[in-house]
């Protein structure tokens, strides 16, 4: 009897060892997450990006989260969100990402407000390390044509920005030194926008097709766009889903699918849409107002 049991045990041993190995194998860790904050904010504000980072780290134990800081301290980081040339910021971020060993296998990216379109520029311009999924929370991918409620520590900064944009958004000096001018999209001056916008017109292929931009963006697994359904800060809110004002006026908006960018597929968005790579999410609330419950159920699945 004993010899029969031993023979059966020996026969079952390979299966038992396999099962034991599977049990002891470490659980797969989530891909690292890179976060880029919005206008007037900073990387580590405990009421905004710092809170989001802690929330993600709590829900996904072991995840590596990099909240981008542009500058040597939080004050510089906040000021640069208004006054540092966006192209220089993107170059700085690309250098940070390339030098971070945690990201060499790829990472997910989550941009808040203007951080959404800035991270899209990173995806298009800097494919190494590879961005896996891009989550844009209130990003303005066709730009803005107004700042109804500009955030910031000082209201005089917002007043100055509005006056400067009204006077000459597409002049070289303003383009090079005012972040919001670089994604200012005037539907009444489309030619000026195409010709003189040093950032948005470039990443949206307004002056010609950069096949590298298109190829790199199409490499994303998912491009998630969150629109705030009661947004009083972004003009027009349709830009958060890559829509915008119909050219020549500033009242009627058209969705992404009716824009020339989509119809001509200059960025590969039409192909991505047909492949199920574009995700359009709406959330009730004003700009960047969302609950932790919504974030947990809607956004976290893209990070796990």
C-alpha atoms as a PDB file:
ATOM      1  CA  UNK A   1       0.000   0.000   0.000  1.00  0.00           C
ATOM      2  CA  UNK A   2       2.791   2.394   0.997  1.00  0.00           C
ATOM      3  CA  UNK A   3       4.709   1.766  -2.238  1.00  0.00           C
ATOM      4  CA  UNK A   4       1.569   2.519  -4.264  1.00  0.00           C
ATOM      5  CA  UNK A   5       1.123   5.846  -2.455  1.00  0.00           C
ATOM      6  CA  UNK A   6       4.782   6.772  -3.016  1.00  0.00           C
ATOM      7  CA  UNK A   7       4.517   5.942  -6.717  1.00  0.00           C
ATOM      8  CA  UNK A   8       1.393   8.106  -7.021  1.00  0.00           C
ATOM      9  CA  UNK A   9       3.146  10.945  -5.188  1.00  0.00           C
ATOM     10  CA  UNK A  10       6.190  10.713  -7.482  1.00  0.00           C
ATOM     11  CA  UNK A  11       3.911  10.803 -10.514  1.00  0.00           C
ATOM     12  CA  UNK A  12       2.130  13.895  -9.223  1.00  0.00           C
ATOM     13  CA  UNK A  13       5.324  15.696  -8.160  1.00  0.00           C
ATOM     14  CA  UNK A  14       5.909  17.676 -11.417  1.00  0.00           C
ATOM     15  CA  UNK A  15       2.378  19.084 -11.269  1.00  0.00           C
ATOM     16  CA  UNK A  16       2.749  19.957  -7.569  1.00  0.00           C
ATOM     17  CA  UNK A  17       6.064  21.718  -8.209  1.00  0.00           C
ATOM     18  CA  UNK A  18       4.523  23.671 -11.074  1.00  0.00           C
ATOM     19  CA  UNK A  19       1.614  24.799  -8.907  1.00  0.00           C
ATOM     20  CA  UNK A  20       3.995  25.737  -6.089  1.00  0.00           C
ATOM     21  CA  UNK A  21       6.074  27.786  -8.500  1.00  0.00           C
ATOM     22  CA  UNK A  22       3.018  29.647  -9.703  1.00  0.00           C
ATOM     23  CA  UNK A  23       2.000  30.437  -6.134  1.00  0.00           C
ATOM     24  CA  UNK A  24       5.457  31.726  -5.250  1.00  0.00           C
ATOM     25  CA  UNK A  25       5.840  33.797  -8.416  1.00  0.00           C
ATOM     26  CA  UNK A  26       5.593  37.524  -7.554  1.00  0.00           C
ATOM     27  CA  UNK A  27       2.431  39.275  -8.692  1.00  0.00           C
ATOM     28  CA  UNK A  28       2.860  41.425 -11.775  1.00  0.00           C
ATOM     29  CA  UNK A  29       3.331  45.069 -10.822  1.00  0.00           C
ATOM     30  CA  UNK A  30       1.390  47.835 -12.514  1.00  0.00           C
ATOM     31  CA  UNK A  31       3.154  49.949 -15.122  1.00  0.00           C
ATOM     32  CA  UNK A  32       4.679  53.150 -13.725  1.00  0.00           C
ATOM     33  CA  UNK A  33       2.557  56.296 -13.889  1.00  0.00           C
ATOM     34  CA  UNK A  34       3.699  59.764 -14.973  1.00  0.00           C
ATOM     35  CA  UNK A  35       1.499  62.742 -14.008  1.00  0.00           C
ATOM     36  CA  UNK A  36       1.620  66.300 -15.420  1.00  0.00           C
ATOM     37  CA  UNK A  37      -0.322  69.004 -13.612  1.00  0.00           C
ATOM     38  CA  UNK A  38      -2.312  71.899 -15.041  1.00  0.00           C
ATOM     39  CA  UNK A  39      -2.045  75.682 -15.173  1.00  0.00           C
ATOM     40  CA  UNK A  40      -1.296  77.400 -11.876  1.00  0.00           C
ATOM     41  CA  UNK A  41      -0.664  74.106 -10.087  1.00  0.00           C
ATOM     42  CA  UNK A  42       2.465  72.207  -9.087  1.00  0.00           C
ATOM     43  CA  UNK A  43       3.669  68.630  -8.967  1.00  0.00           C
ATOM     44  CA  UNK A  44       3.116  68.071  -5.295  1.00  0.00           C
ATOM     45  CA  UNK A  45       0.293  70.288  -4.067  1.00  0.00           C
ATOM     46  CA  UNK A  46      -1.329  68.178  -1.297  1.00  0.00           C
ATOM     47  CA  UNK A  47      -4.769  69.400  -2.405  1.00  0.00           C
ATOM     48  CA  UNK A  48      -4.328  68.356  -6.042  1.00  0.00           C
ATOM     49  CA  UNK A  49      -1.485  66.345  -7.600  1.00  0.00           C
ATOM     50  CA  UNK A  50      -0.083  65.241  -4.254  1.00  0.00           C
ATOM     51  CA  UNK A  51      -3.515  63.940  -3.318  1.00  0.00           C
ATOM     52  CA  UNK A  52      -3.911  62.130  -6.649  1.00  0.00           C
ATOM     53  CA  UNK A  53      -0.482  60.518  -6.298  1.00  0.00           C
ATOM     54  CA  UNK A  54      -1.239  59.231  -2.789  1.00  0.00           C
ATOM     55  CA  UNK A  55      -4.643  57.984  -3.940  1.00  0.00           C
ATOM     56  CA  UNK A  56      -3.090  55.969  -6.791  1.00  0.00           C
ATOM     57  CA  UNK A  57      -0.326  54.591  -4.559  1.00  0.00           C
ATOM     58  CA  UNK A  58      -2.904  53.501  -1.996  1.00  0.00           C
ATOM     59  CA  UNK A  59      -5.144  51.775  -4.554  1.00  0.00           C
ATOM     60  CA  UNK A  60      -2.297  50.147  -6.507  1.00  0.00           C
ATOM     61  CA  UNK A  61       0.335  49.012  -3.974  1.00  0.00           C
ATOM     62  CA  UNK A  62       3.882  49.050  -5.299  1.00  0.00           C
ATOM     63  CA  UNK A  63       3.197  51.329  -8.276  1.00  0.00           C
ATOM     64  CA  UNK A  64       5.895  53.866  -9.164  1.00  0.00           C
ATOM     65  CA  UNK A  65       4.419  57.347  -9.642  1.00  0.00           C
ATOM     66  CA  UNK A  66       6.366  60.298 -11.037  1.00  0.00           C
ATOM     67  CA  UNK A  67       4.603  63.659 -10.698  1.00  0.00           C
ATOM     68  CA  UNK A  68       6.480  65.982 -13.029  1.00  0.00           C
ATOM     69  CA  UNK A  69       8.143  69.097 -11.650  1.00  0.00           C
ATOM     70  CA  UNK A  70       9.379  71.721 -14.110  1.00  0.00           C
ATOM     71  CA  UNK A  71      11.941  73.765 -12.207  1.00  0.00           C
ATOM     72  CA  UNK A  72      13.975  73.381  -9.048  1.00  0.00           C
ATOM     73  CA  UNK A  73      11.146  74.084  -6.596  1.00  0.00           C
ATOM     74  CA  UNK A  74       7.352  74.232  -6.376  1.00  0.00           C
ATOM     75  CA  UNK A  75       7.172  77.990  -6.957  1.00  0.00           C
ATOM     76  CA  UNK A  76       9.168  77.668 -10.187  1.00  0.00           C
ATOM     77  CA  UNK A  77       7.013  74.714 -11.208  1.00  0.00           C
ATOM     78  CA  UNK A  78       3.850  76.808 -10.795  1.00  0.00           C
ATOM     79  CA  UNK A  79       5.335  79.862 -12.553  1.00  0.00           C
ATOM     80  CA  UNK A  80       6.595  77.738 -15.452  1.00  0.00           C
ATOM     81  CA  UNK A  81       3.010  76.575 -16.055  1.00  0.00           C
ATOM     82  CA  UNK A  82       2.370  80.175 -17.134  1.00  0.00           C
ATOM     83  CA  UNK A  83       5.636  81.468 -18.549  1.00  0.00           C
ATOM     84  CA  UNK A  84       8.013  78.724 -19.766  1.00  0.00           C
ATOM     85  CA  UNK A  85       7.921  77.882 -23.475  1.00  0.00           C
ATOM     86  CA  UNK A  86       5.956  74.631 -23.797  1.00  0.00           C
ATOM     87  CA  UNK A  87       8.401  73.167 -26.306  1.00  0.00           C
ATOM     88  CA  UNK A  88      11.192  73.657 -23.764  1.00  0.00           C
ATOM     89  CA  UNK A  89       9.032  72.053 -21.079  1.00  0.00           C
ATOM     90  CA  UNK A  90       8.378  69.027 -23.284  1.00  0.00           C
ATOM     91  CA  UNK A  91      12.113  68.668 -24.000  1.00  0.00           C
ATOM     92  CA  UNK A  92      12.835  68.851 -20.262  1.00  0.00           C
ATOM     93  CA  UNK A  93      10.233  66.168 -19.533  1.00  0.00           C
ATOM     94  CA  UNK A  94      11.543  63.906 -22.288  1.00  0.00           C
ATOM     95  CA  UNK A  95      14.997  64.142 -20.680  1.00  0.00           C
ATOM     96  CA  UNK A  96      13.565  63.350 -17.242  1.00  0.00           C
ATOM     97  CA  UNK A  97      11.724  60.298 -18.549  1.00  0.00           C
ATOM     98  CA  UNK A  98      14.686  58.967 -20.527  1.00  0.00           C
ATOM     99  CA  UNK A  99      16.926  59.231 -17.441  1.00  0.00           C
ATOM    100  CA  UNK A 100      14.510  57.448 -15.091  1.00  0.00           C
ATOM    101  CA  UNK A 101      15.348  53.708 -14.884  1.00  0.00           C
ATOM    102  CA  UNK A 102      11.860  52.921 -13.527  1.00  0.00           C
ATOM    103  CA  UNK A 103      10.324  53.885 -16.868  1.00  0.00           C
ATOM    104  CA  UNK A 104      12.527  51.991 -19.319  1.00  0.00           C
ATOM    105  CA  UNK A 105       9.910  49.266 -19.853  1.00  0.00           C
ATOM    106  CA  UNK A 106       7.131  51.759 -20.565  1.00  0.00           C
ATOM    107  CA  UNK A 107       4.719  53.845 -18.529  1.00  0.00           C
ATOM    108  CA  UNK A 108       1.175  55.178 -18.396  1.00  0.00           C
ATOM    109  CA  UNK A 109       0.658  58.937 -18.520  1.00  0.00           C
ATOM    110  CA  UNK A 110      -2.065  61.055 -16.958  1.00  0.00           C
ATOM    111  CA  UNK A 111      -2.325  64.772 -17.699  1.00  0.00           C
ATOM    112  CA  UNK A 112      -4.590  67.227 -15.925  1.00  0.00           C
ATOM    113  CA  UNK A 113      -5.942  70.172 -17.925  1.00  0.00           C
ATOM    114  CA  UNK A 114      -3.085  71.601 -20.064  1.00  0.00           C
ATOM    115  CA  UNK A 115      -0.933  68.703 -18.856  1.00  0.00           C
ATOM    116  CA  UNK A 116      -3.092  66.522 -21.116  1.00  0.00           C
ATOM    117  CA  UNK A 117      -1.976  68.118 -24.382  1.00  0.00           C
ATOM    118  CA  UNK A 118       1.581  68.485 -23.082  1.00  0.00           C
ATOM    119  CA  UNK A 119       1.814  64.736 -22.447  1.00  0.00           C
ATOM    120  CA  UNK A 120       0.375  64.084 -25.909  1.00  0.00           C
ATOM    121  CA  UNK A 121       3.311  66.096 -27.267  1.00  0.00           C
ATOM    122  CA  UNK A 122       5.626  63.835 -25.255  1.00  0.00           C
ATOM    123  CA  UNK A 123       3.969  60.763 -26.807  1.00  0.00           C
ATOM    124  CA  UNK A 124       4.386  62.184 -30.319  1.00  0.00           C
ATOM    125  CA  UNK A 125       7.913  63.529 -29.934  1.00  0.00           C
ATOM    126  CA  UNK A 126       9.616  61.143 -27.494  1.00  0.00           C
ATOM    127  CA  UNK A 127       8.784  57.467 -28.068  1.00  0.00           C
ATOM    128  CA  UNK A 128      11.513  56.187 -25.734  1.00  0.00           C
ATOM    129  CA  UNK A 129      10.675  55.152 -23.110  1.00  0.00           C
ATOM    130  CA  UNK A 130       7.312  54.128 -24.599  1.00  0.00           C
ATOM    131  CA  UNK A 131       4.069  55.637 -23.360  1.00  0.00           C
ATOM    132  CA  UNK A 132       1.501  52.827 -23.027  1.00  0.00           C
ATOM    133  CA  UNK A 133      -1.764  54.625 -22.273  1.00  0.00           C
ATOM    134  CA  UNK A 134      -2.470  58.357 -22.255  1.00  0.00           C
ATOM    135  CA  UNK A 135      -5.229  59.628 -19.974  1.00  0.00           C
ATOM    136  CA  UNK A 136      -6.155  63.257 -20.562  1.00  0.00           C
ATOM    137  CA  UNK A 137      -8.331  64.675 -17.769  1.00  0.00           C
ATOM    138  CA  UNK A 138      -9.798  67.923 -19.049  1.00  0.00           C
ATOM    139  CA  UNK A 139      -6.985  68.485 -21.577  1.00  0.00           C
ATOM    140  CA  UNK A 140      -7.658  70.912 -24.442  1.00  0.00           C
ATOM    141  CA  UNK A 141      -6.462  69.079 -27.540  1.00  0.00           C
ATOM    142  CA  UNK A 142      -7.785  71.613 -30.017  1.00  0.00           C
ATOM    143  CA  UNK A 143      -6.757  74.500 -27.808  1.00  0.00           C
ATOM    144  CA  UNK A 144      -8.854  77.207 -26.173  1.00  0.00           C
ATOM    145  CA  UNK A 145     -10.469  80.469 -27.213  1.00  0.00           C
ATOM    146  CA  UNK A 146     -10.979  82.044 -23.816  1.00  0.00           C
ATOM    147  CA  UNK A 147     -10.263  81.708 -20.106  1.00  0.00           C
ATOM    148  CA  UNK A 148     -13.601  82.308 -18.365  1.00  0.00           C
ATOM    149  CA  UNK A 149     -12.157  81.260 -15.003  1.00  0.00           C
ATOM    150  CA  UNK A 150      -8.372  81.272 -15.096  1.00  0.00           C
ATOM    151  CA  UNK A 151      -6.900  79.581 -11.993  1.00  0.00           C
ATOM    152  CA  UNK A 152      -3.841  80.735 -10.151  1.00  0.00           C
ATOM    153  CA  UNK A 153      -2.564  82.167  -6.912  1.00  0.00           C
ATOM    154  CA  UNK A 154      -2.859  85.758  -8.147  1.00  0.00           C
ATOM    155  CA  UNK A 155      -5.832  87.101 -10.063  1.00  0.00           C
ATOM    156  CA  UNK A 156      -3.645  89.825 -11.586  1.00  0.00           C
ATOM    157  CA  UNK A 157      -1.701  87.122 -13.470  1.00  0.00           C
ATOM    158  CA  UNK A 158      -4.934  85.911 -15.051  1.00  0.00           C
ATOM    159  CA  UNK A 159      -5.992  89.455 -15.937  1.00  0.00           C
ATOM    160  CA  UNK A 160      -2.612  90.077 -17.552  1.00  0.00           C
ATOM    161  CA  UNK A 161      -2.877  86.812 -19.535  1.00  0.00           C
ATOM    162  CA  UNK A 162      -6.300  87.767 -20.930  1.00  0.00           C
ATOM    163  CA  UNK A 163      -5.120  91.236 -21.988  1.00  0.00           C
ATOM    164  CA  UNK A 164      -1.963  89.846 -23.565  1.00  0.00           C
ATOM    165  CA  UNK A 165      -3.874  87.227 -25.549  1.00  0.00           C
ATOM    166  CA  UNK A 166      -6.359  89.831 -26.758  1.00  0.00           C
ATOM    167  CA  UNK A 167      -3.595  92.164 -27.893  1.00  0.00           C
ATOM    168  CA  UNK A 168      -1.410  89.686 -29.763  1.00  0.00           C
ATOM    169  CA  UNK A 169      -1.583  85.976 -29.033  1.00  0.00           C
ATOM    170  CA  UNK A 170       0.260  85.105 -32.246  1.00  0.00           C
ATOM    171  CA  UNK A 171       3.150  87.564 -32.001  1.00  0.00           C
ATOM    172  CA  UNK A 172       6.549  85.937 -31.584  1.00  0.00           C
ATOM    173  CA  UNK A 173       7.253  87.457 -28.164  1.00  0.00           C
ATOM    174  CA  UNK A 174       3.924  86.299 -26.716  1.00  0.00           C
ATOM    175  CA  UNK A 175       4.171  82.843 -28.269  1.00  0.00           C
ATOM    176  CA  UNK A 176       7.615  82.240 -26.832  1.00  0.00           C
ATOM    177  CA  UNK A 177       6.885  83.443 -23.310  1.00  0.00           C
ATOM    178  CA  UNK A 178       3.229  82.767 -22.506  1.00  0.00           C
ATOM    179  CA  UNK A 179       2.204  79.131 -22.187  1.00  0.00           C
ATOM    180  CA  UNK A 180      -1.511  79.697 -22.784  1.00  0.00           C
ATOM    181  CA  UNK A 181      -0.799  81.554 -26.047  1.00  0.00           C
ATOM    182  CA  UNK A 182       0.871  78.408 -27.335  1.00  0.00           C
ATOM    183  CA  UNK A 183      -2.441  76.540 -27.337  1.00  0.00           C
ATOM    184  CA  UNK A 184      -4.596  79.590 -28.112  1.00  0.00           C
ATOM    185  CA  UNK A 185      -6.777  78.682 -31.095  1.00  0.00           C
ATOM    186  CA  UNK A 186      -8.700  81.588 -32.603  1.00  0.00           C
ATOM    187  CA  UNK A 187     -11.412  80.210 -34.937  1.00  0.00           C
ATOM    188  CA  UNK A 188     -11.759  83.685 -36.477  1.00  0.00           C
ATOM    189  CA  UNK A 189      -8.042  83.782 -37.350  1.00  0.00           C
ATOM    190  CA  UNK A 190      -7.317  80.241 -38.463  1.00  0.00           C
ATOM    191  CA  UNK A 191      -4.542  81.300 -40.835  1.00  0.00           C
ATOM    192  CA  UNK A 192      -2.722  83.238 -38.102  1.00  0.00           C
ATOM    193  CA  UNK A 193      -3.093  80.233 -35.802  1.00  0.00           C
ATOM    194  CA  UNK A 194      -1.735  77.748 -38.364  1.00  0.00           C
ATOM    195  CA  UNK A 195       1.157  80.003 -39.272  1.00  0.00           C
ATOM    196  CA  UNK A 196       2.248  81.348 -35.884  1.00  0.00           C
ATOM    197  CA  UNK A 197       1.255  78.882 -33.135  1.00  0.00           C
ATOM    198  CA  UNK A 198       4.585  77.409 -32.054  1.00  0.00           C
ATOM    199  CA  UNK A 199       3.136  74.469 -30.116  1.00  0.00           C
ATOM    200  CA  UNK A 200      -0.458  73.383 -30.766  1.00  0.00           C
ATOM    201  CA  UNK A 201      -0.415  73.913 -34.528  1.00  0.00           C
ATOM    202  CA  UNK A 202       2.714  71.768 -34.658  1.00  0.00           C
ATOM    203  CA  UNK A 203       1.458  68.786 -32.642  1.00  0.00           C
ATOM    204  CA  UNK A 204      -1.908  68.939 -34.469  1.00  0.00           C
ATOM    205  CA  UNK A 205      -0.206  68.742 -37.883  1.00  0.00           C
ATOM    206  CA  UNK A 206      -1.621  72.090 -39.068  1.00  0.00           C
ATOM    207  CA  UNK A 207       1.397  72.970 -41.205  1.00  0.00           C
ATOM    208  CA  UNK A 208       2.054  69.584 -42.756  1.00  0.00           C
ATOM    209  CA  UNK A 209       2.200  65.947 -41.755  1.00  0.00           C
ATOM    210  CA  UNK A 210       5.004  64.683 -39.563  1.00  0.00           C
ATOM    211  CA  UNK A 211       4.747  60.926 -40.038  1.00  0.00           C
ATOM    212  CA  UNK A 212       6.791  60.304 -36.882  1.00  0.00           C
ATOM    213  CA  UNK A 213       4.192  62.168 -34.786  1.00  0.00           C
ATOM    214  CA  UNK A 214       1.452  60.059 -36.332  1.00  0.00           C
ATOM    215  CA  UNK A 215       3.279  56.761 -35.895  1.00  0.00           C
ATOM    216  CA  UNK A 216       4.187  57.500 -32.271  1.00  0.00           C
ATOM    217  CA  UNK A 217       0.676  58.532 -31.255  1.00  0.00           C
ATOM    218  CA  UNK A 218      -0.833  55.475 -32.935  1.00  0.00           C
ATOM    219  CA  UNK A 219       1.474  53.266 -30.839  1.00  0.00           C
ATOM    220  CA  UNK A 220      -0.629  54.036 -27.754  1.00  0.00           C
ATOM    221  CA  UNK A 221      -2.794  51.202 -26.476  1.00  0.00           C
ATOM    222  CA  UNK A 222      -5.482  53.635 -25.346  1.00  0.00           C
ATOM    223  CA  UNK A 223      -5.931  57.398 -25.593  1.00  0.00           C
ATOM    224  CA  UNK A 224      -8.505  58.294 -22.938  1.00  0.00           C
ATOM    225  CA  UNK A 225     -10.105  61.756 -23.018  1.00  0.00           C
ATOM    226  CA  UNK A 226     -12.171  62.959 -20.062  1.00  0.00           C
ATOM    227  CA  UNK A 227     -14.562  65.862 -20.613  1.00  0.00           C
ATOM    228  CA  UNK A 228     -16.166  67.774 -17.737  1.00  0.00           C
ATOM    229  CA  UNK A 229     -19.820  68.150 -18.625  1.00  0.00           C
ATOM    230  CA  UNK A 230     -20.330  71.352 -16.616  1.00  0.00           C
ATOM    231  CA  UNK A 231     -16.984  72.971 -17.424  1.00  0.00           C
ATOM    232  CA  UNK A 232     -16.927  76.750 -16.920  1.00  0.00           C
ATOM    233  CA  UNK A 233     -13.164  77.152 -17.293  1.00  0.00           C
ATOM    234  CA  UNK A 234     -12.388  75.718 -20.731  1.00  0.00           C
ATOM    235  CA  UNK A 235     -13.705  77.486 -23.836  1.00  0.00           C
ATOM    236  CA  UNK A 236     -14.923  75.454 -25.632  1.00  0.00           C
ATOM    237  CA  UNK A 237     -15.345  72.305 -23.490  1.00  0.00           C
ATOM    238  CA  UNK A 238     -15.574  70.310 -26.766  1.00  0.00           C
ATOM    239  CA  UNK A 239     -11.784  70.646 -26.988  1.00  0.00           C
ATOM    240  CA  UNK A 240     -11.506  68.111 -24.157  1.00  0.00           C
ATOM    241  CA  UNK A 241     -12.803  65.496 -26.638  1.00  0.00           C
ATOM    242  CA  UNK A 242     -10.693  66.939 -29.493  1.00  0.00           C
ATOM    243  CA  UNK A 243     -13.625  68.923 -30.918  1.00  0.00           C
ATOM    244  CA  UNK A 244     -13.681  72.668 -31.501  1.00  0.00           C
ATOM    245  CA  UNK A 245     -15.554  75.635 -32.932  1.00  0.00           C
ATOM    246  CA  UNK A 246     -16.525  75.371 -36.556  1.00  0.00           C
ATOM    247  CA  UNK A 247     -14.021  77.527 -38.440  1.00  0.00           C
ATOM    248  CA  UNK A 248     -14.944  81.166 -38.968  1.00  0.00           C
ATOM    249  CA  UNK A 249     -17.186  81.617 -35.922  1.00  0.00           C
ATOM    250  CA  UNK A 250     -17.185  81.027 -32.166  1.00  0.00           C
ATOM    251  CA  UNK A 251     -20.657  79.690 -31.390  1.00  0.00           C
ATOM    252  CA  UNK A 252     -21.173  76.284 -32.994  1.00  0.00           C
ATOM    253  CA  UNK A 253     -18.821  73.443 -32.068  1.00  0.00           C
ATOM    254  CA  UNK A 254     -18.174  70.252 -34.014  1.00  0.00           C
ATOM    255  CA  UNK A 255     -16.983  66.881 -32.636  1.00  0.00           C
ATOM    256  CA  UNK A 256     -13.615  65.399 -33.502  1.00  0.00           C
ATOM    257  CA  UNK A 257     -15.161  63.147 -36.147  1.00  0.00           C
ATOM    258  CA  UNK A 258     -16.305  66.191 -38.170  1.00  0.00           C
ATOM    259  CA  UNK A 259     -12.949  67.989 -38.131  1.00  0.00           C
ATOM    260  CA  UNK A 260     -10.502  67.990 -41.031  1.00  0.00           C
ATOM    261  CA  UNK A 261      -7.853  66.616 -38.637  1.00  0.00           C
ATOM    262  CA  UNK A 262      -9.943  63.452 -38.290  1.00  0.00           C
ATOM    263  CA  UNK A 263     -11.286  63.221 -41.857  1.00  0.00           C
ATOM    264  CA  UNK A 264      -7.803  63.614 -43.349  1.00  0.00           C
ATOM    265  CA  UNK A 265      -6.421  61.424 -40.533  1.00  0.00           C
ATOM    266  CA  UNK A 266      -3.374  63.642 -40.137  1.00  0.00           C
ATOM    267  CA  UNK A 267      -2.629  62.244 -36.668  1.00  0.00           C
ATOM    268  CA  UNK A 268      -4.010  58.738 -37.082  1.00  0.00           C
ATOM    269  CA  UNK A 269      -6.974  59.505 -34.825  1.00  0.00           C
ATOM    270  CA  UNK A 270      -9.492  58.074 -37.299  1.00  0.00           C
ATOM    271  CA  UNK A 271      -7.583  54.806 -37.486  1.00  0.00           C
ATOM    272  CA  UNK A 272      -7.189  54.729 -33.707  1.00  0.00           C
ATOM    273  CA  UNK A 273     -10.913  55.373 -33.288  1.00  0.00           C
ATOM    274  CA  UNK A 274     -11.849  52.494 -35.591  1.00  0.00           C
ATOM    275  CA  UNK A 275      -9.443  50.230 -33.687  1.00  0.00           C
ATOM    276  CA  UNK A 276     -11.121  51.095 -30.375  1.00  0.00           C
ATOM    277  CA  UNK A 277      -8.089  52.967 -29.057  1.00  0.00           C
ATOM    278  CA  UNK A 278      -9.911  56.263 -28.422  1.00  0.00           C
ATOM    279  CA  UNK A 279     -11.989  56.398 -25.245  1.00  0.00           C
ATOM    280  CA  UNK A 280     -14.323  59.352 -24.633  1.00  0.00           C
ATOM    281  CA  UNK A 281     -15.464  59.719 -21.035  1.00  0.00           C
ATOM    282  CA  UNK A 282     -17.788  62.355 -19.598  1.00  0.00           C
ATOM    283  CA  UNK A 283     -18.089  63.274 -15.945  1.00  0.00           C
ATOM    284  CA  UNK A 284     -20.571  65.638 -14.342  1.00  0.00           C
ATOM    285  CA  UNK A 285     -18.953  68.627 -12.695  1.00  0.00           C
ATOM    286  CA  UNK A 286     -16.848  71.702 -13.340  1.00  0.00           C
ATOM    287  CA  UNK A 287     -13.250  71.643 -14.541  1.00  0.00           C
ATOM    288  CA  UNK A 288     -11.182  69.015 -12.682  1.00  0.00           C
ATOM    289  CA  UNK A 289     -14.003  68.401 -10.196  1.00  0.00           C
ATOM    290  CA  UNK A 290     -14.425  64.661  -9.685  1.00  0.00           C
ATOM    291  CA  UNK A 291     -14.982  62.254  -6.823  1.00  0.00           C
ATOM    292  CA  UNK A 292     -12.585  59.610  -5.580  1.00  0.00           C
ATOM    293  CA  UNK A 293     -15.268  57.016  -6.295  1.00  0.00           C
ATOM    294  CA  UNK A 294     -15.467  58.110  -9.955  1.00  0.00           C
ATOM    295  CA  UNK A 295     -11.677  58.017 -10.224  1.00  0.00           C
ATOM    296  CA  UNK A 296     -11.515  54.539  -8.692  1.00  0.00           C
ATOM    297  CA  UNK A 297     -14.177  53.003 -10.927  1.00  0.00           C
ATOM    298  CA  UNK A 298     -13.428  54.870 -14.173  1.00  0.00           C
ATOM    299  CA  UNK A 299      -9.728  55.766 -14.308  1.00  0.00           C
ATOM    300  CA  UNK A 300      -7.928  53.168 -12.177  1.00  0.00           C
ATOM    301  CA  UNK A 301      -8.776  50.257 -14.536  1.00  0.00           C
ATOM    302  CA  UNK A 302      -6.574  51.913 -17.197  1.00  0.00           C
ATOM    303  CA  UNK A 303      -3.656  51.931 -14.742  1.00  0.00           C
ATOM    304  CA  UNK A 304      -3.846  48.355 -13.442  1.00  0.00           C
END
